[in-house]
Amino acid sequence: MNSTMNENGHFEIPKNMRSMAEAGVEQARKAFERFISGAQAANESLSERTATMGAGAKDVSAMAFSYAEKNVQASLDYAQSLLQAKDLSEVMRLHREYVQSQMRALTEQAGELGHVVSRTAMDATKPKT
């Protein structure tokens, strides 16, 4: 990729390349939104048909789906922000913030998912009355 330095010595992505990249990110965002809509519809349809699936398993599935959606959205937002970066130090700052944010989110998500899975397992072992 050809990059240039502006008169202030800041890194710049050429406008035509930035426009192409922005269009690509927007296209990816729209494709992801269509995918999510289709996946949600399929998940709802499957949930309606699987009366034997326990509430806990449905919770785990819904939670994992929600986390995946949030994580992909965060990645798309990160890609968009990189396109607006004015110099390498801003790119590095954005990357650091993104990684820190994702690590916090993944830690929180793993903890929440772990609680739901544990609760589901405990419920599954309880005798039916």
Protein backbone atom coordinates (compact mmCIF):
# COMPACT_ATOMS: atom_id res chain seq x y z
CA MET A 1 0.00 0.00 0.00
CA ASN A 2 1.36 3.38 -0.93
CA SER A 3 1.36 5.81 1.92
CA THR A 4 2.46 9.40 1.91
CA MET A 5 3.62 11.91 4.41
CA ASN A 6 1.75 15.21 4.49
CA GLU A 7 3.37 18.59 4.96
CA ASN A 8 3.27 18.10 8.75
CA GLY A 9 5.20 14.84 8.46
CA HIS A 10 2.11 12.77 9.34
CA PHE A 11 1.37 9.45 7.69
CA GLU A 12 -1.55 9.63 5.25
CA ILE A 13 -3.38 6.99 3.31
CA PRO A 14 -4.03 8.31 -0.21
CA LYS A 15 -7.64 9.48 -0.58
CA ASN A 16 -8.55 6.96 -3.26
CA MET A 17 -7.21 4.08 -1.15
CA ARG A 18 -8.95 5.43 1.95
CA SER A 19 -12.23 5.63 0.00
CA MET A 20 -11.83 2.05 -1.21
CA ALA A 21 -11.02 0.84 2.30
CA GLU A 22 -13.96 2.73 3.82
CA ALA A 23 -16.27 1.25 1.19
CA GLY A 24 -14.89 -2.21 2.01
CA VAL A 25 -15.48 -1.75 5.73
CA GLU A 26 -19.00 -0.46 5.09
CA GLN A 27 -19.68 -3.41 2.77
CA ALA A 28 -18.39 -5.82 5.43
CA ARG A 29 -20.59 -4.12 8.05
CA LYS A 30 -23.70 -4.47 5.85
CA ALA A 31 -22.88 -8.09 5.02
CA PHE A 32 -22.43 -8.83 8.72
CA GLU A 33 -25.76 -7.17 9.54
CA ARG A 34 -27.48 -9.34 6.89
CA PHE A 35 -25.73 -12.42 8.29
CA ILE A 36 -26.83 -11.55 11.83
CA SER A 37 -30.44 -11.05 10.74
CA GLY A 38 -30.46 -14.39 8.95
CA ALA A 39 -28.76 -16.17 11.83
CA GLN A 40 -31.18 -14.69 14.36
CA ALA A 41 -34.14 -15.81 12.27
CA ALA A 42 -32.67 -19.31 11.94
CA ASN A 43 -31.95 -19.43 15.68
CA GLU A 44 -35.51 -18.38 16.53
CA SER A 45 -36.91 -20.96 14.14
CA LEU A 46 -34.70 -23.67 15.61
CA SER A 47 -35.63 -22.65 19.17
CA GLU A 48 -39.31 -22.92 18.34
CA ARG A 49 -38.80 -26.43 16.93
CA THR A 50 -36.65 -27.82 19.73
CA ALA A 51 -38.97 -28.15 22.66
CA THR A 52 -36.52 -30.57 24.28
CA MET A 53 -33.77 -27.96 24.50
CA GLY A 54 -33.47 -26.71 28.03
CA ALA A 55 -33.76 -23.05 28.95
CA GLY A 56 -30.13 -22.99 30.05
CA ALA A 57 -28.89 -24.26 26.71
CA LYS A 58 -30.98 -21.62 24.97
CA ASP A 59 -29.44 -19.00 27.27
CA VAL A 60 -25.93 -20.18 26.40
CA SER A 61 -26.71 -20.13 22.69
CA ALA A 62 -28.26 -16.65 22.84
CA MET A 63 -25.41 -15.33 24.96
CA ALA A 64 -22.71 -16.73 22.66
CA PHE A 65 -24.51 -15.30 19.64
CA SER A 66 -24.76 -11.88 21.30
CA TYR A 67 -21.07 -11.93 22.20
CA ALA A 68 -20.08 -12.87 18.66
CA GLU A 69 -22.14 -9.99 17.30
CA LYS A 70 -20.60 -7.49 19.73
CA ASN A 71 -17.07 -8.68 19.01
CA VAL A 72 -17.46 -8.45 15.24
CA GLN A 73 -19.03 -4.99 15.57
CA ALA A 74 -16.07 -3.90 17.72
CA SER A 75 -13.67 -5.19 15.06
CA LEU A 76 -15.51 -3.32 12.31
CA ASP A 77 -15.51 -0.14 14.39
CA TYR A 78 -11.78 -0.60 15.00
CA ALA A 79 -11.11 -1.01 11.27
CA GLN A 80 -13.12 2.14 10.58
CA SER A 81 -11.18 4.10 13.20
CA LEU A 82 -7.86 2.97 11.71
CA LEU A 83 -8.90 4.47 8.39
CA GLN A 84 -9.25 7.84 10.08
CA ALA A 85 -5.88 7.70 11.88
CA LYS A 86 -3.66 10.67 11.12
CA ASP A 87 -0.30 9.19 12.06
CA LEU A 88 1.45 6.09 13.33
CA SER A 89 1.16 7.13 16.98
CA GLU A 90 -2.63 7.34 16.57
CA VAL A 91 -2.67 3.90 14.92
CA MET A 92 -0.70 2.52 17.86
CA ARG A 93 -3.02 4.20 20.38
CA LEU A 94 -6.11 2.87 18.60
CA HIS A 95 -4.61 -0.61 18.50
CA ARG A 96 -3.71 -0.54 22.20
CA GLU A 97 -7.20 0.67 23.13
CA TYR A 98 -8.86 -1.96 20.93
CA VAL A 99 -6.78 -4.82 22.34
CA GLN A 100 -7.38 -3.67 25.93
CA SER A 101 -11.10 -3.27 25.30
CA GLN A 102 -11.39 -6.68 23.65
CA MET A 103 -9.45 -8.37 26.44
CA ARG A 104 -11.80 -6.84 29.03
CA ALA A 105 -14.84 -7.84 26.96
CA LEU A 106 -13.61 -11.40 26.41
CA THR A 107 -12.78 -11.83 30.10
CA GLU A 108 -16.23 -10.57 31.08
CA GLN A 109 -17.94 -12.70 28.42
CA ALA A 110 -16.07 -15.83 29.46
CA GLY A 111 -17.05 -15.27 33.09
CA GLU A 112 -20.71 -14.70 32.28
CA LEU A 113 -20.82 -17.66 29.92
CA GLY A 114 -19.10 -19.83 32.52
CA HIS A 115 -21.75 -18.94 35.12
CA VAL A 116 -24.58 -19.80 32.73
CA VAL A 117 -22.94 -23.08 31.69
CA SER A 118 -22.37 -24.03 35.35
CA ARG A 119 -25.95 -23.18 36.25
CA THR A 120 -27.21 -25.18 33.26
CA ALA A 121 -25.09 -28.19 34.22
CA MET A 122 -26.32 -28.00 37.83
CA ASP A 123 -29.93 -27.75 36.66
CA ALA A 124 -29.46 -30.74 34.36
CA THR A 125 -28.28 -32.92 37.23
CA LYS A 126 -31.17 -32.04 39.53
CA PRO A 127 -33.71 -34.82 39.88
CA LYS A 128 -36.97 -34.18 38.07
CA THR A 129 -39.92 -33.78 40.44
